[in-house]
């Protein structure tokens, strides 16, 4: 056995779990039906708005912090707009205008066209009551399936925009996220609209919706939901662009799914992103609770605490080992092998949105007895991870719990005993 320069924590990781501390899942902060949450911070108070439910047409809640405690107050839009028919109101968005008034975008049923359309309302208070701005919808195009899920965005130069989705999947047409510039009042359009993204991936099941736009230093980040909201196949993803009008490139893997949360949240969607928090809903029995999770930015790409992010081993820094390509069943077809010597290691850099406890899910193959690696965190604390022998190219997973600092961290996987190949590490 090699002499180690720092204390060694012998935490033997086994398939399906590990010892010590565990990853931190999102917290359900409103444990009642509160779908499609939109969250606005005014001073030190947070306000949340949701799709119609027991508390009203547009539910409103408040809290002294992002994690609560949250109090649901009732209906922020008590008077139905004159153009609206019967039915629920979906996915409200509230922002503060330059004149100090609060602007609400909402989705409501149009009595005239029989489709969901976009409306606007204003109030002097974030809790309402909000009053519709006109006798007609803001956007209402029956030929494209109607229009839903509005959200506001104000760029760093003060230019205001409306984002929304045409409900094409309701009528067998493309579902497209649109960007529309508006004047400071939020309801007067400037020029025409621009397509940002559309449904074009199998996992989306023909549906993209719930757009929210964030500007980072190097790029615009467009969050959106995909799949059917009625089950745990609903998910949240994002797309990026150096320009507000695109072209937007979707992330290779979704940001939040039931699987990436290891089932801690069912169907995470309808998200609203803040600089260091992300709010979203998930199914609990027959209701959608509001959750909050810590949000970090790895080179201006979003990372949600508790949701697995994959880091390919072959992209790490490899010493006295080899990258093996064309490997059956391996993620992206490549792994790190020949980790067979005392000075064999691979350094995998991972990003932690906040300091604390995380779980590293390690995918491996071992074929000649149970193997072990020494895992060193940021050159300090060391652990032992054990890989049960399941056969070469028989990819399995073990979990190792680690404590990380905020931002970038390095996990070194170094030879300890026998032999294992590494496919990837997923951090949650």
Protein backbone atom coordinates (compact mmCIF):
# COMPACT_ATOMS: atom_id res chain seq x y z
CA UNK A 1 0.00 0.00 0.00
CA UNK A 2 1.32 3.46 -0.87
CA UNK A 3 1.99 5.99 1.88
CA UNK A 4 -0.51 8.87 1.71
CA UNK A 5 0.35 12.41 2.72
CA UNK A 6 -3.11 13.31 4.02
CA UNK A 7 -5.70 11.42 6.11
CA UNK A 8 -7.52 8.78 4.11
CA UNK A 9 -11.30 8.41 4.46
CA UNK A 10 -12.12 4.84 3.62
CA UNK A 11 -15.58 5.37 2.16
CA UNK A 12 -16.30 2.30 0.14
CA UNK A 13 -18.76 3.25 -2.58
CA UNK A 14 -21.20 0.55 -3.65
CA UNK A 15 -23.77 0.34 -6.40
CA UNK A 16 -26.77 2.50 -5.53
CA UNK A 17 -25.36 4.49 -2.63
CA UNK A 18 -22.45 5.46 -0.39
CA UNK A 19 -21.48 6.48 3.10
CA UNK A 20 -20.93 9.93 4.65
CA UNK A 21 -22.84 13.03 3.54
CA UNK A 22 -25.20 13.07 0.59
CA UNK A 23 -26.17 15.38 -2.28
CA UNK A 24 -28.62 18.17 -1.45
CA UNK A 25 -31.92 17.78 -3.35
CA UNK A 26 -34.17 20.75 -4.22
CA UNK A 27 -36.49 21.95 -1.50
CA UNK A 28 -40.28 22.03 -1.91
CA UNK A 29 -41.12 25.49 -0.57
CA UNK A 30 -44.83 25.66 -1.46
CA UNK A 31 -46.40 22.28 -0.66
CA UNK A 32 -49.66 22.90 -2.46
CA UNK A 33 -50.63 23.10 -6.12
CA UNK A 34 -48.56 26.03 -7.47
CA UNK A 35 -47.72 25.24 -11.13
CA UNK A 36 -45.49 27.22 -13.52
CA UNK A 37 -44.05 29.50 -10.83
CA UNK A 38 -42.75 32.96 -11.64
CA UNK A 39 -40.77 34.68 -8.87
CA UNK A 40 -40.13 38.41 -8.46
CA UNK A 41 -37.88 39.95 -5.81
CA UNK A 42 -38.83 43.42 -4.55
CA UNK A 43 -36.39 44.65 -1.94
CA UNK A 44 -35.96 41.82 0.54
CA UNK A 45 -39.33 40.21 -0.23
CA UNK A 46 -39.97 37.49 -2.78
CA UNK A 47 -43.29 37.19 -4.62
CA UNK A 48 -44.39 34.12 -6.56
CA UNK A 49 -47.21 33.73 -9.11
CA UNK A 50 -48.67 30.57 -10.57
CA UNK A 51 -51.17 28.98 -12.91
CA UNK A 52 -54.79 28.90 -11.67
CA UNK A 53 -55.48 26.70 -8.68
CA UNK A 54 -57.41 26.66 -5.42
CA UNK A 55 -56.23 30.12 -4.34
CA UNK A 56 -57.40 31.90 -7.47
CA UNK A 57 -57.12 32.74 -11.13
CA UNK A 58 -53.47 33.84 -10.66
CA UNK A 59 -52.15 32.66 -7.33
CA UNK A 60 -49.75 34.99 -5.49
CA UNK A 61 -47.50 34.12 -2.58
CA UNK A 62 -44.75 35.93 -0.69
CA UNK A 63 -41.73 35.08 1.46
CA UNK A 64 -38.87 36.86 3.24
CA UNK A 65 -36.32 34.64 1.45
CA UNK A 66 -36.14 32.30 -1.52
CA UNK A 67 -36.42 29.28 0.77
CA UNK A 68 -39.41 30.70 2.65
CA UNK A 69 -41.48 30.45 4.62
CA UNK A 70 -43.95 31.12 1.82
CA UNK A 71 -47.49 32.39 2.39
CA UNK A 72 -50.12 32.03 -0.34
CA UNK A 73 -52.32 35.15 -0.30
CA UNK A 74 -54.98 34.49 -2.91
CA UNK A 75 -55.81 35.87 -6.35
CA UNK A 76 -53.67 38.61 -7.93
CA UNK A 77 -56.05 38.90 -10.94
CA UNK A 78 -59.51 38.82 -9.32
CA UNK A 79 -61.38 40.35 -12.28
CA UNK A 80 -61.44 38.32 -15.46
CA UNK A 81 -60.48 40.28 -18.62
CA UNK A 82 -63.46 41.03 -20.87
CA UNK A 83 -61.98 39.01 -23.75
CA UNK A 84 -61.53 35.85 -21.68
CA UNK A 85 -63.87 32.91 -21.60
CA UNK A 86 -64.15 30.17 -19.03
CA UNK A 87 -61.17 28.14 -17.98
CA UNK A 88 -57.85 28.35 -16.20
CA UNK A 89 -55.18 31.01 -16.57
CA UNK A 90 -51.65 29.76 -17.13
CA UNK A 91 -48.04 30.69 -16.46
CA UNK A 92 -48.15 34.32 -15.30
CA UNK A 93 -45.08 36.55 -15.38
CA UNK A 94 -44.71 39.71 -13.29
CA UNK A 95 -42.01 42.36 -13.67
CA UNK A 96 -41.58 45.94 -12.54
CA UNK A 97 -41.67 48.65 -15.20
CA UNK A 98 -39.51 51.77 -15.24
CA UNK A 99 -42.52 53.83 -14.12
CA UNK A 100 -42.78 51.77 -10.92
CA UNK A 101 -45.94 49.88 -11.83
CA UNK A 102 -46.03 46.10 -11.97
CA UNK A 103 -46.76 44.41 -15.29
CA UNK A 104 -48.30 40.97 -15.45
CA UNK A 105 -48.33 38.82 -18.56
CA UNK A 106 -50.68 35.85 -18.44
CA UNK A 107 -52.26 33.16 -20.61
CA UNK A 108 -56.06 33.04 -20.73
CA UNK A 109 -58.82 31.37 -22.76
CA UNK A 110 -60.04 33.58 -25.60
CA UNK A 111 -63.83 33.52 -25.92
CA UNK A 112 -63.57 34.69 -29.54
CA UNK A 113 -61.14 32.14 -30.99
CA UNK A 114 -61.44 29.25 -28.55
CA UNK A 115 -57.68 29.08 -27.95
CA UNK A 116 -55.33 30.20 -25.19
CA UNK A 117 -53.99 33.69 -25.79
CA UNK A 118 -51.71 36.22 -24.08
CA UNK A 119 -52.94 39.11 -22.00
CA UNK A 120 -51.42 41.89 -19.89
CA UNK A 121 -52.45 43.62 -16.67
CA UNK A 122 -50.92 46.20 -14.33
CA UNK A 123 -50.99 47.02 -10.64
CA UNK A 124 -49.43 49.45 -8.20
CA UNK A 125 -48.60 46.52 -5.90
CA UNK A 126 -46.87 43.20 -6.56
CA UNK A 127 -49.75 41.40 -4.83
CA UNK A 128 -52.35 43.13 -6.99
CA UNK A 129 -55.11 43.50 -7.74
CA UNK A 130 -53.95 43.54 -11.36
CA UNK A 131 -56.27 45.05 -13.99
CA UNK A 132 -56.20 44.07 -17.66
CA UNK A 133 -54.66 46.70 -19.94
CA UNK A 134 -57.17 46.35 -22.75
CA UNK A 135 -60.31 44.78 -24.15
CA UNK A 136 -58.34 42.43 -26.43
CA UNK A 137 -55.54 39.88 -25.99
CA UNK A 138 -51.97 41.01 -26.45
CA UNK A 139 -51.16 38.07 -28.77
CA UNK A 140 -53.82 35.70 -30.11
CA UNK A 141 -53.24 33.70 -33.27
CA UNK A 142 -55.61 30.75 -33.59
CA UNK A 143 -53.91 29.56 -36.79
CA UNK A 144 -50.74 28.73 -34.86
CA UNK A 145 -52.60 27.00 -32.04
CA UNK A 146 -52.96 30.08 -29.86
CA UNK A 147 -50.17 31.53 -27.73
CA UNK A 148 -49.05 30.71 -24.20
CA UNK A 149 -46.33 31.04 -21.54
CA UNK A 150 -45.31 34.71 -21.74
CA UNK A 151 -42.26 36.06 -19.93
CA UNK A 152 -40.53 39.41 -19.75
CA UNK A 153 -36.87 40.24 -20.27
CA UNK A 154 -35.08 43.58 -19.92
CA UNK A 155 -31.62 43.71 -21.44
CA UNK A 156 -28.68 45.56 -19.93
CA UNK A 157 -29.32 48.54 -22.22
CA UNK A 158 -32.88 48.84 -20.91
CA UNK A 159 -34.60 47.37 -23.96
CA UNK A 160 -37.64 45.34 -22.94
CA UNK A 161 -38.84 42.14 -24.62
CA UNK A 162 -41.74 39.71 -24.45
CA UNK A 163 -41.07 36.00 -24.94
CA UNK A 164 -43.80 33.44 -25.54
CA UNK A 165 -44.61 30.17 -27.26
CA UNK A 166 -47.17 29.54 -29.96
CA UNK A 167 -49.11 26.44 -28.92
CA UNK A 168 -48.48 24.59 -32.16
CA UNK A 169 -48.42 21.16 -30.58
CA UNK A 170 -52.14 21.63 -29.79
CA UNK A 171 -52.97 21.73 -33.52
CA UNK A 172 -50.28 19.53 -35.06
CA UNK A 173 -47.92 22.39 -35.91
CA UNK A 174 -44.44 23.36 -34.67
CA UNK A 175 -44.15 24.77 -31.16
CA UNK A 176 -41.91 27.83 -31.44
CA UNK A 177 -40.49 30.23 -28.85
CA UNK A 178 -40.74 33.83 -30.05
CA UNK A 179 -39.01 37.06 -29.04
CA UNK A 180 -40.89 40.35 -29.43
CA UNK A 181 -39.39 43.74 -28.59
CA UNK A 182 -41.77 46.06 -26.73
CA UNK A 183 -41.68 49.63 -25.51
CA UNK A 184 -41.15 50.50 -21.84
CA UNK A 185 -44.87 49.94 -21.16
CA UNK A 186 -44.45 46.27 -22.07
CA UNK A 187 -47.55 46.20 -24.30
CA UNK A 188 -46.61 48.33 -27.33
CA UNK A 189 -44.77 46.22 -29.89
CA UNK A 190 -41.66 47.38 -31.71
CA UNK A 191 -41.16 45.70 -35.08
CA UNK A 192 -41.84 42.03 -35.73
CA UNK A 193 -41.12 38.92 -33.75
CA UNK A 194 -38.09 36.60 -34.04
CA UNK A 195 -38.04 32.82 -33.76
CA UNK A 196 -35.56 31.59 -31.14
CA UNK A 197 -36.07 27.81 -30.91
CA UNK A 198 -38.63 25.18 -31.89
CA UNK A 199 -39.42 21.57 -30.98
CA UNK A 200 -36.93 19.45 -32.89
CA UNK A 201 -35.75 16.68 -30.53
CA UNK A 202 -37.33 13.30 -29.77
CA UNK A 203 -37.23 13.79 -26.00
CA UNK A 204 -39.34 16.95 -26.35
CA UNK A 205 -42.30 14.85 -27.52
CA UNK A 206 -43.37 17.69 -29.81
CA UNK A 207 -43.47 20.25 -26.99
CA UNK A 208 -41.27 23.14 -25.92
CA UNK A 209 -42.62 25.93 -23.71
CA UNK A 210 -42.08 28.08 -20.60
CA UNK A 211 -39.29 30.31 -21.98
CA UNK A 212 -37.19 32.42 -19.59
CA UNK A 213 -34.23 34.48 -20.83
CA UNK A 214 -31.12 35.39 -18.83
CA UNK A 215 -28.12 37.43 -19.92
CA UNK A 216 -24.68 36.38 -18.77
CA UNK A 217 -21.37 38.10 -19.53
CA UNK A 218 -20.58 35.97 -22.57
CA UNK A 219 -23.99 34.84 -23.81
CA UNK A 220 -27.76 34.76 -23.53
CA UNK A 221 -29.22 31.70 -21.84
CA UNK A 222 -32.77 30.65 -22.75
CA UNK A 223 -34.38 28.24 -20.29
CA UNK A 224 -37.35 26.21 -21.53
CA UNK A 225 -39.44 23.14 -20.67
CA UNK A 226 -40.07 20.13 -22.89
CA UNK A 227 -42.25 17.05 -23.01
CA UNK A 228 -45.72 16.59 -21.57
CA UNK A 229 -46.34 18.49 -18.35
CA UNK A 230 -48.87 15.89 -17.14
CA UNK A 231 -46.25 13.32 -16.09
CA UNK A 232 -42.69 12.92 -14.87
CA UNK A 233 -41.35 13.07 -18.43
CA UNK A 234 -41.51 16.87 -18.24
CA UNK A 235 -38.05 18.45 -18.06
CA UNK A 236 -36.11 21.71 -18.17
CA UNK A 237 -33.34 22.51 -20.62
CA UNK A 238 -31.58 25.59 -21.94
CA UNK A 239 -30.15 27.01 -25.16
CA UNK A 240 -27.42 29.63 -25.59
CA UNK A 241 -26.56 32.34 -28.07
CA UNK A 242 -24.03 35.21 -28.25
CA UNK A 243 -26.84 37.40 -29.63
CA UNK A 244 -30.32 37.99 -28.21
CA UNK A 245 -31.94 37.13 -31.52
CA UNK A 246 -29.95 33.92 -31.99
CA UNK A 247 -28.91 31.48 -33.34
CA UNK A 248 -29.61 29.52 -30.11
CA UNK A 249 -27.94 26.15 -29.53
CA UNK A 250 -29.67 23.72 -27.20
CA UNK A 251 -27.69 21.96 -24.48
CA UNK A 252 -26.69 18.41 -25.34
CA UNK A 253 -28.38 17.01 -22.21
CA UNK A 254 -31.36 18.46 -20.33
CA UNK A 255 -30.63 20.59 -17.27
CA UNK A 256 -33.24 19.04 -14.97
CA UNK A 257 -35.18 15.80 -15.35
CA UNK A 258 -36.74 13.27 -13.00
CA UNK A 259 -33.69 11.10 -13.61
CA UNK A 260 -31.05 13.80 -13.05
CA UNK A 261 -32.65 14.46 -9.66
CA UNK A 262 -32.65 10.70 -8.96
CA UNK A 263 -36.42 10.93 -8.49
CA UNK A 264 -36.27 13.64 -5.83
CA UNK A 265 -38.46 15.81 -8.12
CA UNK A 266 -40.98 14.39 -10.57
CA UNK A 267 -41.24 16.26 -13.89
CA UNK A 268 -39.24 19.41 -13.06
CA UNK A 269 -40.47 22.23 -15.32
CA UNK A 270 -42.00 25.68 -15.63
CA UNK A 271 -38.73 27.13 -14.34
CA UNK A 272 -37.85 30.71 -13.46
CA UNK A 273 -34.14 31.50 -13.14
CA UNK A 274 -32.55 34.05 -10.80
CA UNK A 275 -28.80 34.75 -10.49
CA UNK A 276 -28.26 32.15 -7.75
CA UNK A 277 -31.57 30.28 -7.51
CA UNK A 278 -33.93 28.45 -9.84
CA UNK A 279 -37.62 27.97 -9.05
CA UNK A 280 -39.72 25.29 -10.73
CA UNK A 281 -42.57 22.88 -10.16
CA UNK A 282 -42.67 19.11 -9.71
CA UNK A 283 -45.44 16.58 -9.27
CA UNK A 284 -46.37 15.36 -5.80
CA UNK A 285 -49.42 13.08 -6.03
CA UNK A 286 -51.93 15.17 -8.06
CA UNK A 287 -50.41 18.57 -7.37
CA UNK A 288 -47.39 20.49 -8.62
CA UNK A 289 -45.37 21.91 -5.74
CA UNK A 290 -42.96 24.82 -6.09
CA UNK A 291 -39.31 23.89 -5.58
CA UNK A 292 -36.15 25.96 -5.26
CA UNK A 293 -32.56 24.88 -5.90
CA UNK A 294 -29.21 26.63 -5.88
CA UNK A 295 -28.07 27.76 -9.32
CA UNK A 296 -24.46 28.29 -10.38
CA UNK A 297 -22.78 29.38 -13.59
CA UNK A 298 -19.89 27.37 -15.00
CA UNK A 299 -18.37 29.65 -17.64
CA UNK A 300 -21.87 31.15 -18.05
CA UNK A 301 -23.57 27.76 -18.41
CA UNK A 302 -26.17 26.91 -15.75
CA UNK A 303 -25.58 24.20 -13.13
CA UNK A 304 -28.35 23.24 -10.69
CA UNK A 305 -27.41 21.78 -7.35
CA UNK A 306 -28.84 18.30 -6.94
CA UNK A 307 -29.26 17.71 -10.68
CA UNK A 308 -26.64 15.45 -12.22
CA UNK A 309 -24.10 17.03 -14.58
CA UNK A 310 -21.97 14.64 -16.62
CA UNK A 311 -18.20 15.03 -16.90
CA UNK A 312 -16.56 12.67 -19.37
CA UNK A 313 -13.44 11.02 -17.93
CA UNK A 314 -11.63 11.10 -21.28
CA UNK A 315 -11.82 14.91 -21.25
CA UNK A 316 -9.90 15.08 -17.99
CA UNK A 317 -6.15 15.40 -17.51
CA UNK A 318 -4.70 11.88 -17.89
CA UNK A 319 -1.35 10.74 -16.46
CA UNK A 320 0.26 7.37 -17.28
CA UNK A 321 -3.04 6.02 -18.58
CA UNK A 322 -4.82 5.90 -21.94
CA UNK A 323 -8.01 7.12 -23.57
CA UNK A 324 -9.72 4.18 -25.24
CA UNK A 325 -12.09 5.03 -28.11
CA UNK A 326 -14.84 3.08 -29.83
CA UNK A 327 -15.87 1.41 -26.58
CA UNK A 328 -19.23 -0.45 -26.73
CA UNK A 329 -21.81 1.02 -24.37
CA UNK A 330 -19.61 3.85 -23.15
CA UNK A 331 -20.85 7.44 -23.03
CA UNK A 332 -19.66 9.16 -26.22
CA UNK A 333 -17.77 5.92 -27.00
CA UNK A 334 -14.64 6.73 -24.99
CA UNK A 335 -13.19 5.85 -21.56
CA UNK A 336 -9.96 6.18 -19.61
CA UNK A 337 -8.17 2.84 -19.33
CA UNK A 338 -4.76 1.51 -18.35
CA UNK A 339 -5.04 3.14 -14.92
CA UNK A 340 -2.69 0.36 -13.86
CA UNK A 341 0.30 1.99 -12.15
CA UNK A 342 1.05 3.87 -8.96
CA UNK A 343 1.35 7.11 -10.96
CA UNK A 344 -1.76 6.49 -13.08
CA UNK A 345 -4.52 9.00 -12.57
CA UNK A 346 -7.14 11.17 -14.26
CA UNK A 347 -8.10 14.62 -12.98
CA UNK A 348 -11.78 15.45 -13.58
CA UNK A 349 -12.84 19.05 -13.02
CA UNK A 350 -16.39 19.58 -11.75
CA UNK A 351 -18.43 22.66 -10.87
CA UNK A 352 -20.29 23.16 -7.57
CA UNK A 353 -22.97 25.89 -7.46
CA UNK A 354 -22.38 26.33 -3.72
CA UNK A 355 -20.13 24.97 -1.00
CA UNK A 356 -21.27 21.77 0.65
CA UNK A 357 -22.05 18.12 0.13
CA UNK A 358 -22.35 16.51 -3.29
CA UNK A 359 -22.50 13.01 -4.70
CA UNK A 360 -20.14 11.91 -7.47
CA UNK A 361 -21.76 9.10 -9.47
CA UNK A 362 -18.89 7.22 -11.14
CA UNK A 363 -19.49 4.97 -14.16
CA UNK A 364 -16.86 2.27 -14.52
CA UNK A 365 -16.02 -1.23 -15.68
CA UNK A 366 -13.88 -3.76 -13.80
CA UNK A 367 -13.16 -7.28 -14.95
CA UNK A 368 -10.50 -8.94 -12.82
CA UNK A 369 -11.75 -8.72 -9.27
CA UNK A 370 -12.92 -5.71 -7.27
CA UNK A 371 -10.76 -2.68 -8.02
CA UNK A 372 -10.06 0.47 -6.04
CA UNK A 373 -9.05 4.06 -6.74
CA UNK A 374 -7.91 6.74 -4.34
CA UNK A 375 -10.02 9.84 -4.97
CA UNK A 376 -8.43 13.13 -3.92
CA UNK A 377 -10.56 16.28 -3.65
CA UNK A 378 -8.77 19.51 -4.57
CA UNK A 379 -5.43 18.04 -3.57
CA UNK A 380 -6.60 17.51 0.01
CA UNK A 381 -9.12 15.06 1.45
CA UNK A 382 -8.76 11.55 0.10
CA UNK A 383 -11.29 8.74 -0.18
CA UNK A 384 -11.20 5.16 -1.39
CA UNK A 385 -13.76 4.11 -3.98
CA UNK A 386 -14.35 0.42 -4.64
CA UNK A 387 -15.54 -0.90 -8.01
CA UNK A 388 -17.25 -4.32 -7.79
CA UNK A 389 -16.16 -6.74 -10.50
CA UNK A 390 -18.97 -6.89 -13.08
CA UNK A 391 -16.92 -7.53 -16.24
CA UNK A 392 -15.16 -5.46 -18.86
CA UNK A 393 -17.44 -3.24 -20.97
CA UNK A 394 -20.21 -4.01 -18.44
CA UNK A 395 -20.76 -0.44 -17.34
CA UNK A 396 -21.89 0.04 -13.76
CA UNK A 397 -22.14 2.95 -11.35
CA UNK A 398 -20.92 3.62 -7.83
CA UNK A 399 -21.57 6.72 -5.74
CA UNK A 400 -19.08 8.63 -3.64
CA UNK A 401 -20.12 11.57 -1.43
CA UNK A 402 -17.71 14.50 -1.32
CA UNK A 403 -17.52 17.98 0.18
CA UNK A 404 -16.76 20.71 -2.37
CA UNK A 405 -15.97 24.40 -2.43
CA UNK A 406 -18.07 26.79 -4.55
CA UNK A 407 -16.99 26.93 -8.16
CA UNK A 408 -14.48 24.61 -9.81
CA UNK A 409 -13.16 21.53 -8.04
CA UNK A 410 -10.75 18.79 -9.11
CA UNK A 411 -11.34 15.12 -8.37
CA UNK A 412 -8.27 12.94 -8.94
CA UNK A 413 -8.96 9.25 -9.54
CA UNK A 414 -5.68 7.39 -8.95
CA UNK A 415 -4.76 3.71 -9.14
CA UNK A 416 -4.93 1.88 -5.80
CA UNK A 417 -5.55 -1.82 -6.45
CA UNK A 418 -6.41 -4.10 -9.36
CA UNK A 419 -7.94 -2.48 -12.48
CA UNK A 420 -10.90 -0.35 -13.49
CA UNK A 421 -11.74 1.86 -16.45
CA UNK A 422 -13.63 5.15 -16.03
CA UNK A 423 -16.40 6.33 -18.31
CA UNK A 424 -17.68 9.48 -16.60
CA UNK A 425 -18.51 11.22 -13.34
CA UNK A 426 -21.94 12.76 -12.80
CA UNK A 427 -22.00 15.32 -10.00
CA UNK A 428 -25.25 16.08 -8.14
